[in-house]
Amino acid sequence: MKCPFCGSERIESGISWGKSAETGNVGLKYTANGFFPITGVAEVYSDLCLDCKTILRTYIKEDTDKNWSHNPGSFGTK
């Protein structure tokens, strides 16, 4: 992969996002339907150019067939 902004090939791939206090994952929120609906978070990853410090791509690695939440707020809020 080559950075489209600076041309560098020094790209670090698959860097996971997290919170500084390690109290949970930062990511895309969804509701898993079932007997007891559960709110979950799909962990987010990014590819970073090490020279110009641009995040080139942000993505998840798990299945995308989920009931994604479009409501703002912290984990556990509606």
PDB file of N, CA and C in Angstrom:
ATOM      1  N   MET A   1       0.847  -1.171   0.000  1.00  0.00           N
ATOM      2  CA  MET A   1       0.000   0.000   0.000  1.00  0.00           C
ATOM      3  C   MET A   1       0.899   1.243   0.000  1.00  0.00           C
ATOM      4  N   LYS A   2       0.443   2.249  -0.693  1.00  0.00           N
ATOM      5  CA  LYS A   2       1.182   3.504  -0.796  1.00  0.00           C
ATOM      6  C   LYS A   2       0.267   4.642  -0.346  1.00  0.00           C
ATOM      7  N   CYS A   3       0.803   5.563   0.432  1.00  0.00           N
ATOM      8  CA  CYS A   3       0.012   6.697   0.900  1.00  0.00           C
ATOM      9  C   CYS A   3      -0.297   7.626  -0.274  1.00  0.00           C
ATOM     10  N   PRO A   4      -1.587   7.930  -0.501  1.00  0.00           N
ATOM     11  CA  PRO A   4      -1.937   8.823  -1.615  1.00  0.00           C
ATOM     12  C   PRO A   4      -1.595  10.285  -1.344  1.00  0.00           C
ATOM     13  N   PHE A   5      -1.239  10.629  -0.110  1.00  0.00           N
ATOM     14  CA  PHE A   5      -0.957  12.019   0.243  1.00  0.00           C
ATOM     15  C   PHE A   5       0.525  12.369   0.161  1.00  0.00           C
ATOM     16  N   CYS A   6       1.396  11.443   0.629  1.00  0.00           N
ATOM     17  CA  CYS A   6       2.832  11.762   0.621  1.00  0.00           C
ATOM     18  C   CYS A   6       3.656  10.767  -0.198  1.00  0.00           C
ATOM     19  N   GLY A   7       3.043   9.665  -0.641  1.00  0.00           N
ATOM     20  CA  GLY A   7       3.750   8.688  -1.461  1.00  0.00           C
ATOM     21  C   GLY A   7       4.546   7.656  -0.677  1.00  0.00           C
ATOM     22  N   SER A   8       4.544   7.750   0.627  1.00  0.00           N
ATOM     23  CA  SER A   8       5.302   6.820   1.465  1.00  0.00           C
ATOM     24  C   SER A   8       4.722   5.407   1.390  1.00  0.00           C
ATOM     25  N   GLU A   9       5.589   4.438   1.549  1.00  0.00           N
ATOM     26  CA  GLU A   9       5.151   3.051   1.647  1.00  0.00           C
ATOM     27  C   GLU A   9       5.301   2.538   3.076  1.00  0.00           C
ATOM     28  N   ARG A  10       5.616   3.450   4.008  1.00  0.00           N
ATOM     29  CA  ARG A  10       5.718   3.082   5.429  1.00  0.00           C
ATOM     30  C   ARG A  10       4.331   3.164   6.055  1.00  0.00           C
ATOM     31  N   ILE A  11       3.558   2.109   5.866  1.00  0.00           N
ATOM     32  CA  ILE A  11       2.178   2.054   6.338  1.00  0.00           C
ATOM     33  C   ILE A  11       2.077   0.965   7.408  1.00  0.00           C
ATOM     34  N   GLU A  12       1.558   1.327   8.563  1.00  0.00           N
ATOM     35  CA  GLU A  12       1.297   0.364   9.640  1.00  0.00           C
ATOM     36  C   GLU A  12      -0.170  -0.024   9.511  1.00  0.00           C
ATOM     37  N   SER A  13      -0.436  -1.317   9.307  1.00  0.00           N
ATOM     38  CA  SER A  13      -1.799  -1.794   9.076  1.00  0.00           C
ATOM     39  C   SER A  13      -2.373  -2.494  10.296  1.00  0.00           C
ATOM     40  N   GLY A  14      -3.689  -2.425  10.436  1.00  0.00           N
ATOM     41  CA  GLY A  14      -4.397  -3.184  11.457  1.00  0.00           C
ATOM     42  C   GLY A  14      -4.209  -2.690  12.873  1.00  0.00           C
ATOM     43  N   ILE A  15      -4.051  -1.395  13.059  1.00  0.00           N
ATOM     44  CA  ILE A  15      -3.903  -0.828  14.398  1.00  0.00           C
ATOM     45  C   ILE A  15      -5.282  -0.753  15.048  1.00  0.00           C
ATOM     46  N   SER A  16      -5.430  -1.384  16.215  1.00  0.00           N
ATOM     47  CA  SER A  16      -6.747  -1.392  16.870  1.00  0.00           C
ATOM     48  C   SER A  16      -6.953  -0.116  17.675  1.00  0.00           C
ATOM     49  N   TRP A  17      -8.209   0.304  17.745  1.00  0.00           N
ATOM     50  CA  TRP A  17      -8.590   1.471  18.531  1.00  0.00           C
ATOM     51  C   TRP A  17      -8.876   1.013  19.948  1.00  0.00           C
ATOM     52  N   GLY A  18      -8.692   1.896  20.918  1.00  0.00           N
ATOM     53  CA  GLY A  18      -9.011   1.570  22.296  1.00  0.00           C
ATOM     54  C   GLY A  18      -9.113   2.818  23.144  1.00  0.00           C
ATOM     55  N   LYS A  19      -9.572   2.639  24.376  1.00  0.00           N
ATOM     56  CA  LYS A  19      -9.674   3.740  25.330  1.00  0.00           C
ATOM     57  C   LYS A  19      -8.434   3.755  26.213  1.00  0.00           C
ATOM     58  N   SER A  20      -8.069   4.924  26.683  1.00  0.00           N
ATOM     59  CA  SER A  20      -6.873   5.028  27.518  1.00  0.00           C
ATOM     60  C   SER A  20      -7.048   4.330  28.859  1.00  0.00           C
ATOM     61  N   ALA A  21      -8.261   4.258  29.374  1.00  0.00           N
ATOM     62  CA  ALA A  21      -8.500   3.608  30.663  1.00  0.00           C
ATOM     63  C   ALA A  21      -8.811   2.117  30.508  1.00  0.00           C
ATOM     64  N   GLU A  22      -8.841   1.635  29.248  1.00  0.00           N
ATOM     65  CA  GLU A  22      -9.133   0.232  28.950  1.00  0.00           C
ATOM     66  C   GLU A  22     -10.428  -0.249  29.602  1.00  0.00           C
ATOM     67  N   THR A  23     -11.459   0.588  29.559  1.00  0.00           N
ATOM     68  CA  THR A  23     -12.740   0.217  30.155  1.00  0.00           C
ATOM     69  C   THR A  23     -13.693  -0.376  29.136  1.00  0.00           C
ATOM     70  N   GLY A  24     -13.265  -0.543  27.914  1.00  0.00           N
ATOM     71  CA  GLY A  24     -14.115  -1.121  26.878  1.00  0.00           C
ATOM     72  C   GLY A  24     -13.585  -0.768  25.512  1.00  0.00           C
ATOM     73  N   ASN A  25     -14.262  -1.245  24.505  1.00  0.00           N
ATOM     74  CA  ASN A  25     -13.833  -0.992  23.133  1.00  0.00           C
ATOM     75  C   ASN A  25     -14.464   0.278  22.580  1.00  0.00           C
ATOM     76  N   VAL A  26     -13.731   0.947  21.731  1.00  0.00           N
ATOM     77  CA  VAL A  26     -14.261   2.047  20.950  1.00  0.00           C
ATOM     78  C   VAL A  26     -14.588   1.444  19.602  1.00  0.00           C
ATOM     79  N   GLY A  27     -15.785   1.676  19.128  1.00  0.00           N
ATOM     80  CA  GLY A  27     -16.127   1.087  17.845  1.00  0.00           C
ATOM     81  C   GLY A  27     -17.548   1.379  17.437  1.00  0.00           C
ATOM     82  N   LEU A  28     -18.027   0.603  16.491  1.00  0.00           N
ATOM     83  CA  LEU A  28     -19.371   0.778  15.959  1.00  0.00           C
ATOM     84  C   LEU A  28     -20.354  -0.018  16.804  1.00  0.00           C
ATOM     85  N   LYS A  29     -21.390   0.667  17.291  1.00  0.00           N
ATOM     86  CA  LYS A  29     -22.348   0.073  18.219  1.00  0.00           C
ATOM     87  C   LYS A  29     -23.458  -0.644  17.455  1.00  0.00           C
ATOM     88  N   TYR A  30     -23.887  -1.808  17.975  1.00  0.00           N
ATOM     89  CA  TYR A  30     -24.988  -2.561  17.378  1.00  0.00           C
ATOM     90  C   TYR A  30     -25.784  -3.267  18.470  1.00  0.00           C
ATOM     91  N   THR A  31     -26.987  -3.709  18.117  1.00  0.00           N
ATOM     92  CA  THR A  31     -27.819  -4.474  19.032  1.00  0.00           C
ATOM     93  C   THR A  31     -27.964  -5.879  18.479  1.00  0.00           C
ATOM     94  N   ALA A  32     -27.641  -6.873  19.292  1.00  0.00           N
ATOM     95  CA  ALA A  32     -27.808  -8.275  18.917  1.00  0.00           C
ATOM     96  C   ALA A  32     -29.185  -8.707  19.397  1.00  0.00           C
ATOM     97  N   ASN A  33     -30.031  -9.063  18.464  1.00  0.00           N
ATOM     98  CA  ASN A  33     -31.387  -9.478  18.809  1.00  0.00           C
ATOM     99  C   ASN A  33     -31.386 -10.892  19.374  1.00  0.00           C
ATOM    100  N   GLY A  34     -32.285 -11.148  20.270  1.00  0.00           N
ATOM    101  CA  GLY A  34     -32.417 -12.447  20.902  1.00  0.00           C
ATOM    102  C   GLY A  34     -33.410 -12.338  22.044  1.00  0.00           C
ATOM    103  N   PHE A  35     -33.402 -13.321  22.900  1.00  0.00           N
ATOM    104  CA  PHE A  35     -34.301 -13.310  24.049  1.00  0.00           C
ATOM    105  C   PHE A  35     -34.043 -12.077  24.910  1.00  0.00           C
ATOM    106  N   PHE A  36     -32.766 -11.786  25.158  1.00  0.00           N
ATOM    107  CA  PHE A  36     -32.347 -10.562  25.846  1.00  0.00           C
ATOM    108  C   PHE A  36     -31.501  -9.753  24.865  1.00  0.00           C
ATOM    109  N   PRO A  37     -32.037  -8.632  24.324  1.00  0.00           N
ATOM    110  CA  PRO A  37     -31.235  -7.827  23.390  1.00  0.00           C
ATOM    111  C   PRO A  37     -29.960  -7.310  24.080  1.00  0.00           C
ATOM    112  N   ILE A  38     -28.857  -7.470  23.416  1.00  0.00           N
ATOM    113  CA  ILE A  38     -27.555  -7.076  23.961  1.00  0.00           C
ATOM    114  C   ILE A  38     -26.938  -6.030  23.045  1.00  0.00           C
ATOM    115  N   THR A  39     -26.389  -4.964  23.635  1.00  0.00           N
ATOM    116  CA  THR A  39     -25.661  -3.965  22.859  1.00  0.00           C
ATOM    117  C   THR A  39     -24.203  -4.385  22.789  1.00  0.00           C
ATOM    118  N   GLY A  40     -23.663  -4.394  21.591  1.00  0.00           N
ATOM    119  CA  GLY A  40     -22.266  -4.767  21.388  1.00  0.00           C
ATOM    120  C   GLY A  40     -21.526  -3.689  20.635  1.00  0.00           C
ATOM    121  N   VAL A  41     -20.211  -3.856  20.550  1.00  0.00           N
ATOM    122  CA  VAL A  41     -19.362  -2.915  19.822  1.00  0.00           C
ATOM    123  C   VAL A  41     -18.421  -3.703  18.926  1.00  0.00           C
ATOM    124  N   ALA A  42     -18.411  -3.359  17.646  1.00  0.00           N
ATOM    125  CA  ALA A  42     -17.471  -3.962  16.703  1.00  0.00           C
ATOM    126  C   ALA A  42     -16.169  -3.172  16.789  1.00  0.00           C
ATOM    127  N   GLU A  43     -15.089  -3.833  17.139  1.00  0.00           N
ATOM    128  CA  GLU A  43     -13.809  -3.145  17.283  1.00  0.00           C
ATOM    129  C   GLU A  43     -13.350  -2.575  15.939  1.00  0.00           C
ATOM    130  N   VAL A  44     -12.790  -1.371  15.999  1.00  0.00           N
ATOM    131  CA  VAL A  44     -12.375  -0.636  14.807  1.00  0.00           C
ATOM    132  C   VAL A  44     -10.852  -0.699  14.675  1.00  0.00           C
ATOM    133  N   TYR A  45     -10.388  -0.797  13.435  1.00  0.00           N
ATOM    134  CA  TYR A  45      -8.963  -0.834  13.109  1.00  0.00           C
ATOM    135  C   TYR A  45      -8.657   0.238  12.068  1.00  0.00           C
ATOM    136  N   SER A  46      -7.415   0.694  12.022  1.00  0.00           N
ATOM    137  CA  SER A  46      -7.001   1.680  11.027  1.00  0.00           C
ATOM    138  C   SER A  46      -5.634   1.342  10.461  1.00  0.00           C
ATOM    139  N   ASP A  47      -5.390   1.832   9.247  1.00  0.00           N
ATOM    140  CA  ASP A  47      -4.075   1.784   8.624  1.00  0.00           C
ATOM    141  C   ASP A  47      -3.526   3.211   8.672  1.00  0.00           C
ATOM    142  N   LEU A  48      -2.277   3.369   9.120  1.00  0.00           N
ATOM    143  CA  LEU A  48      -1.678   4.681   9.387  1.00  0.00           C
ATOM    144  C   LEU A  48      -0.399   4.874   8.586  1.00  0.00           C
ATOM    145  N   CYS A  49      -0.274   6.028   7.934  1.00  0.00           N
ATOM    146  CA  CYS A  49       0.986   6.392   7.277  1.00  0.00           C
ATOM    147  C   CYS A  49       1.932   6.887   8.363  1.00  0.00           C
ATOM    148  N   LEU A  50       3.080   6.250   8.494  1.00  0.00           N
ATOM    149  CA  LEU A  50       4.033   6.610   9.540  1.00  0.00           C
ATOM    150  C   LEU A  50       4.816   7.885   9.224  1.00  0.00           C
ATOM    151  N   ASP A  51       4.764   8.343   7.978  1.00  0.00           N
ATOM    152  CA  ASP A  51       5.493   9.554   7.615  1.00  0.00           C
ATOM    153  C   ASP A  51       4.642  10.819   7.733  1.00  0.00           C
ATOM    154  N   CYS A  52       3.448  10.839   7.140  1.00  0.00           N
ATOM    155  CA  CYS A  52       2.632  12.065   7.207  1.00  0.00           C
ATOM    156  C   CYS A  52       1.524  11.968   8.251  1.00  0.00           C
ATOM    157  N   LYS A  53       1.449  10.807   8.948  1.00  0.00           N
ATOM    158  CA  LYS A  53       0.532  10.606  10.073  1.00  0.00           C
ATOM    159  C   LYS A  53      -0.944  10.643   9.672  1.00  0.00           C
ATOM    160  N   THR A  54      -1.252  10.295   8.428  1.00  0.00           N
ATOM    161  CA  THR A  54      -2.624  10.253   7.952  1.00  0.00           C
ATOM    162  C   THR A  54      -3.219   8.875   8.180  1.00  0.00           C
ATOM    163  N   ILE A  55      -4.460   8.828   8.703  1.00  0.00           N
ATOM    164  CA  ILE A  55      -5.186   7.571   8.786  1.00  0.00           C
ATOM    165  C   ILE A  55      -5.750   7.314   7.391  1.00  0.00           C
ATOM    166  N   LEU A  56      -5.272   6.248   6.771  1.00  0.00           N
ATOM    167  CA  LEU A  56      -5.624   5.974   5.384  1.00  0.00           C
ATOM    168  C   LEU A  56      -6.920   5.200   5.237  1.00  0.00           C
ATOM    169  N   ARG A  57      -7.213   4.358   6.210  1.00  0.00           N
ATOM    170  CA  ARG A  57      -8.398   3.512   6.102  1.00  0.00           C
ATOM    171  C   ARG A  57      -8.843   3.132   7.500  1.00  0.00           C
ATOM    172  N   THR A  58     -10.136   3.098   7.741  1.00  0.00           N
ATOM    173  CA  THR A  58     -10.697   2.654   9.014  1.00  0.00           C
ATOM    174  C   THR A  58     -11.717   1.578   8.688  1.00  0.00           C
ATOM    175  N   TYR A  59     -11.670   0.464   9.437  1.00  0.00           N
ATOM    176  CA  TYR A  59     -12.510  -0.675   9.093  1.00  0.00           C
ATOM    177  C   TYR A  59     -12.736  -1.577  10.293  1.00  0.00           C
ATOM    178  N   ILE A  60     -13.683  -2.527  10.150  1.00  0.00           N
ATOM    179  CA  ILE A  60     -13.896  -3.579  11.133  1.00  0.00           C
ATOM    180  C   ILE A  60     -13.563  -4.901  10.454  1.00  0.00           C
ATOM    181  N   LYS A  61     -13.300  -5.932  11.264  1.00  0.00           N
ATOM    182  CA  LYS A  61     -12.942  -7.230  10.707  1.00  0.00           C
ATOM    183  C   LYS A  61     -14.062  -8.256  10.820  1.00  0.00           C
ATOM    184  N   GLU A  62     -15.116  -7.938  11.575  1.00  0.00           N
ATOM    185  CA  GLU A  62     -16.172  -8.919  11.782  1.00  0.00           C
ATOM    186  C   GLU A  62     -17.311  -8.747  10.785  1.00  0.00           C
ATOM    187  N   ASP A  63     -18.281  -9.640  10.882  1.00  0.00           N
ATOM    188  CA  ASP A  63     -19.443  -9.648  10.007  1.00  0.00           C
ATOM    189  C   ASP A  63     -20.182  -8.310  10.069  1.00  0.00           C
ATOM    190  N   THR A  64     -20.665  -7.839   8.933  1.00  0.00           N
ATOM    191  CA  THR A  64     -21.356  -6.549   8.885  1.00  0.00           C
ATOM    192  C   THR A  64     -22.875  -6.690   8.891  1.00  0.00           C
ATOM    193  N   ASP A  65     -23.379  -7.911   8.922  1.00  0.00           N
ATOM    194  CA  ASP A  65     -24.822  -8.148   8.942  1.00  0.00           C
ATOM    195  C   ASP A  65     -25.328  -8.045  10.379  1.00  0.00           C
ATOM    196  N   LYS A  66     -25.468  -6.799  10.862  1.00  0.00           N
ATOM    197  CA  LYS A  66     -25.860  -6.524  12.237  1.00  0.00           C
ATOM    198  C   LYS A  66     -26.923  -5.437  12.265  1.00  0.00           C
ATOM    199  N   ASN A  67     -27.573  -5.281  13.395  1.00  0.00           N
ATOM    200  CA  ASN A  67     -28.536  -4.208  13.613  1.00  0.00           C
ATOM    201  C   ASN A  67     -27.754  -3.003  14.158  1.00  0.00           C
ATOM    202  N   TRP A  68     -27.158  -2.213  13.258  1.00  0.00           N
ATOM    203  CA  TRP A  68     -26.279  -1.104  13.635  1.00  0.00           C
ATOM    204  C   TRP A  68     -27.068   0.018  14.281  1.00  0.00           C
ATOM    205  N   SER A  69     -26.496   0.611  15.321  1.00  0.00           N
ATOM    206  CA  SER A  69     -27.123   1.724  16.025  1.00  0.00           C
ATOM    207  C   SER A  69     -26.779   3.036  15.328  1.00  0.00           C
ATOM    208  N   HIS A  70     -27.775   3.884  15.166  1.00  0.00           N
ATOM    209  CA  HIS A  70     -27.567   5.209  14.580  1.00  0.00           C
ATOM    210  C   HIS A  70     -27.754   6.302  15.625  1.00  0.00           C
ATOM    211  N   ASN A  71     -27.868   5.886  16.885  1.00  0.00           N
ATOM    212  CA  ASN A  71     -28.065   6.836  17.980  1.00  0.00           C
ATOM    213  C   ASN A  71     -26.737   7.186  18.641  1.00  0.00           C
ATOM    214  N   PRO A  72     -26.476   8.469  18.873  1.00  0.00           N
ATOM    215  CA  PRO A  72     -25.244   8.849  19.571  1.00  0.00           C
ATOM    216  C   PRO A  72     -25.305   8.460  21.032  1.00  0.00           C
ATOM    217  N   GLY A  73     -24.175   8.447  21.663  1.00  0.00           N
ATOM    218  CA  GLY A  73     -24.145   8.185  23.107  1.00  0.00           C
ATOM    219  C   GLY A  73     -23.171   7.074  23.456  1.00  0.00           C
ATOM    220  N   SER A  74     -22.951   6.944  24.749  1.00  0.00           N
ATOM    221  CA  SER A  74     -22.022   5.943  25.263  1.00  0.00           C
ATOM    222  C   SER A  74     -22.647   4.563  25.198  1.00  0.00           C
ATOM    223  N   PHE A  75     -21.799   3.571  25.403  1.00  0.00           N
ATOM    224  CA  PHE A  75     -22.211   2.179  25.444  1.00  0.00           C
ATOM    225  C   PHE A  75     -23.297   2.017  26.514  1.00  0.00           C
ATOM    226  N   GLY A  76     -24.407   1.379  26.154  1.00  0.00           N
ATOM    227  CA  GLY A  76     -25.480   1.161  27.125  1.00  0.00           C
ATOM    228  C   GLY A  76     -26.553   2.229  27.105  1.00  0.00           C
ATOM    229  N   THR A  77     -26.336   3.328  26.367  1.00  0.00           N
ATOM    230  CA  THR A  77     -27.377   4.360  26.270  1.00  0.00           C
ATOM    231  C   THR A  77     -28.198   4.114  25.018  1.00  0.00           C
ATOM    232  N   LYS A  78     -29.374   4.644  24.979  1.00  0.00           N
ATOM    233  CA  LYS A  78     -30.241   4.417  23.821  1.00  0.00           C
ATOM    234  C   LYS A  78     -30.046   5.404  22.737  1.00  0.00           C
TER     235      LYS A  78
END
